[in-house]
Amino acid sequence: VIDDLLSGVGAKLMIPFFQRSAQFSKEGTEKTQAISCLRIVVDRVIGRIKSNHIWDSPIPLTQIGSRPDLVQLLRDGQFSRTSIL
């Protein structure tokens, strides 16, 4: 069900391997490490959104891709508070 919802917006659910034996396979280790790296990036972006109070006021969906201040914040964490007002 979640995969169907995500595929509708071009996203993919990444679930790490679960250890079935005493040791992960090479493929399982690499995939788990890649997922961990992505989780760190996502957690940082969510933290930036919360700390900069981006969602305190409505942002029209038509502006999401055209707001360079939002793109800069999500990309490298630098954000000017006055640029969102």
C-alpha atoms as a PDB file:
ATOM      1  CA  VAL A   1       0.000   0.000   0.000  1.00  0.00           C
ATOM      2  CA  ILE A   2       2.773   2.449   0.898  1.00  0.00           C
ATOM      3  CA  ASP A   3       4.731   1.493  -2.235  1.00  0.00           C
ATOM      4  CA  ASP A   4       1.680   2.288  -4.372  1.00  0.00           C
ATOM      5  CA  LEU A   5       1.296   5.735  -2.810  1.00  0.00           C
ATOM      6  CA  LEU A   6       4.973   6.538  -3.176  1.00  0.00           C
ATOM      7  CA  SER A   7       5.225   5.335  -6.764  1.00  0.00           C
ATOM      8  CA  GLY A   8       2.451   7.782  -7.654  1.00  0.00           C
ATOM      9  CA  VAL A   9       4.784  10.662  -6.763  1.00  0.00           C
ATOM     10  CA  GLY A  10       7.969   9.083  -8.099  1.00  0.00           C
ATOM     11  CA  ALA A  11       9.366   7.981  -4.725  1.00  0.00           C
ATOM     12  CA  LYS A  12      10.557   4.582  -3.563  1.00  0.00           C
ATOM     13  CA  LEU A  13      10.399   2.996  -0.117  1.00  0.00           C
ATOM     14  CA  MET A  14      13.833   1.795   0.956  1.00  0.00           C
ATOM     15  CA  ILE A  15      13.793  -0.887   3.656  1.00  0.00           C
ATOM     16  CA  PRO A  16      17.108  -2.143   5.040  1.00  0.00           C
ATOM     17  CA  PHE A  17      17.954  -5.824   4.986  1.00  0.00           C
ATOM     18  CA  PHE A  18      17.070  -7.805   8.068  1.00  0.00           C
ATOM     19  CA  GLN A  19      19.746 -10.116   9.354  1.00  0.00           C
ATOM     20  CA  ARG A  20      18.697 -13.708   8.699  1.00  0.00           C
ATOM     21  CA  SER A  21      22.081 -15.275   9.247  1.00  0.00           C
ATOM     22  CA  ALA A  22      25.112 -14.515  11.382  1.00  0.00           C
ATOM     23  CA  GLN A  23      26.442 -12.042   8.820  1.00  0.00           C
ATOM     24  CA  PHE A  24      25.068  -9.755   6.114  1.00  0.00           C
ATOM     25  CA  SER A  25      25.967 -10.419   2.510  1.00  0.00           C
ATOM     26  CA  LYS A  26      28.123  -7.836   0.729  1.00  0.00           C
ATOM     27  CA  GLU A  27      25.053  -6.617  -1.150  1.00  0.00           C
ATOM     28  CA  GLY A  28      23.038  -6.377   2.062  1.00  0.00           C
ATOM     29  CA  THR A  29      25.792  -4.423   3.802  1.00  0.00           C
ATOM     30  CA  GLU A  30      26.135  -1.947   0.929  1.00  0.00           C
ATOM     31  CA  LYS A  31      22.392  -1.417   0.665  1.00  0.00           C
ATOM     32  CA  THR A  32      22.027  -0.929   4.429  1.00  0.00           C
ATOM     33  CA  GLN A  33      24.866   1.623   4.445  1.00  0.00           C
ATOM     34  CA  ALA A  34      23.321   3.508   1.513  1.00  0.00           C
ATOM     35  CA  ILE A  35      19.941   3.627   3.255  1.00  0.00           C
ATOM     36  CA  SER A  36      21.607   4.883   6.445  1.00  0.00           C
ATOM     37  CA  CYS A  37      23.277   7.711   4.533  1.00  0.00           C
ATOM     38  CA  LEU A  38      19.969   8.714   2.959  1.00  0.00           C
ATOM     39  CA  ARG A  39      18.226   8.646   6.337  1.00  0.00           C
ATOM     40  CA  ILE A  40      20.811  11.066   7.715  1.00  0.00           C
ATOM     41  CA  VAL A  41      20.206  13.471   4.821  1.00  0.00           C
ATOM     42  CA  VAL A  42      16.426  13.264   5.241  1.00  0.00           C
ATOM     43  CA  ASP A  43      16.668  13.792   9.012  1.00  0.00           C
ATOM     44  CA  ARG A  44      18.844  16.875   8.491  1.00  0.00           C
ATOM     45  CA  VAL A  45      16.421  18.356   5.963  1.00  0.00           C
ATOM     46  CA  ILE A  46      13.490  17.763   8.315  1.00  0.00           C
ATOM     47  CA  GLY A  47      15.479  19.430  11.107  1.00  0.00           C
ATOM     48  CA  ARG A  48      16.205  22.452   8.894  1.00  0.00           C
ATOM     49  CA  ILE A  49      12.550  22.761   7.963  1.00  0.00           C
ATOM     50  CA  LYS A  50      11.526  22.661  11.636  1.00  0.00           C
ATOM     51  CA  SER A  51      14.227  25.003  12.951  1.00  0.00           C
ATOM     52  CA  ASN A  52      13.576  27.611  10.251  1.00  0.00           C
ATOM     53  CA  HIS A  53       9.784  27.427  10.746  1.00  0.00           C
ATOM     54  CA  ILE A  54       9.223  27.036   7.014  1.00  0.00           C
ATOM     55  CA  TRP A  55       5.755  25.579   7.429  1.00  0.00           C
ATOM     56  CA  ASP A  56       4.577  28.293   9.860  1.00  0.00           C
ATOM     57  CA  SER A  57       2.776  29.966   6.977  1.00  0.00           C
ATOM     58  CA  PRO A  58       1.223  28.393   3.887  1.00  0.00           C
ATOM     59  CA  ILE A  59       3.402  28.061   0.803  1.00  0.00           C
ATOM     60  CA  PRO A  60       1.462  27.496  -2.429  1.00  0.00           C
ATOM     61  CA  LEU A  61       2.446  24.267  -4.162  1.00  0.00           C
ATOM     62  CA  THR A  62       3.106  26.229  -7.333  1.00  0.00           C
ATOM     63  CA  GLN A  63       5.966  28.043  -5.563  1.00  0.00           C
ATOM     64  CA  ILE A  64       7.730  25.047  -4.034  1.00  0.00           C
ATOM     65  CA  GLY A  65      10.024  24.404  -7.017  1.00  0.00           C
ATOM     66  CA  SER A  66      10.521  28.076  -7.819  1.00  0.00           C
ATOM     67  CA  ARG A  67      11.684  29.251  -4.386  1.00  0.00           C
ATOM     68  CA  PRO A  68      15.483  29.449  -4.519  1.00  0.00           C
ATOM     69  CA  ASP A  69      15.624  30.069  -0.760  1.00  0.00           C
ATOM     70  CA  LEU A  70      13.910  26.735  -0.077  1.00  0.00           C
ATOM     71  CA  VAL A  71      16.113  24.918  -2.567  1.00  0.00           C
ATOM     72  CA  GLN A  72      19.234  26.421  -0.953  1.00  0.00           C
ATOM     73  CA  LEU A  73      18.059  25.465   2.535  1.00  0.00           C
ATOM     74  CA  LEU A  74      17.369  21.890   1.549  1.00  0.00           C
ATOM     75  CA  ARG A  75      20.607  21.604  -0.390  1.00  0.00           C
ATOM     76  CA  ASP A  76      23.168  23.035   2.015  1.00  0.00           C
ATOM     77  CA  GLY A  77      21.391  24.278   5.132  1.00  0.00           C
ATOM     78  CA  GLN A  78      22.015  27.981   4.557  1.00  0.00           C
ATOM     79  CA  PHE A  79      18.880  30.005   4.821  1.00  0.00           C
ATOM     80  CA  SER A  80      18.044  33.654   5.248  1.00  0.00           C
ATOM     81  CA  ARG A  81      15.057  34.037   7.570  1.00  0.00           C
ATOM     82  CA  THR A  82      13.998  37.247   5.804  1.00  0.00           C
ATOM     83  CA  SER A  83      13.797  35.535   2.423  1.00  0.00           C
ATOM     84  CA  ILE A  84      10.770  33.501   3.462  1.00  0.00           C
ATOM     85  CA  LEU A  85       8.725  36.455   4.735  1.00  0.00           C
END
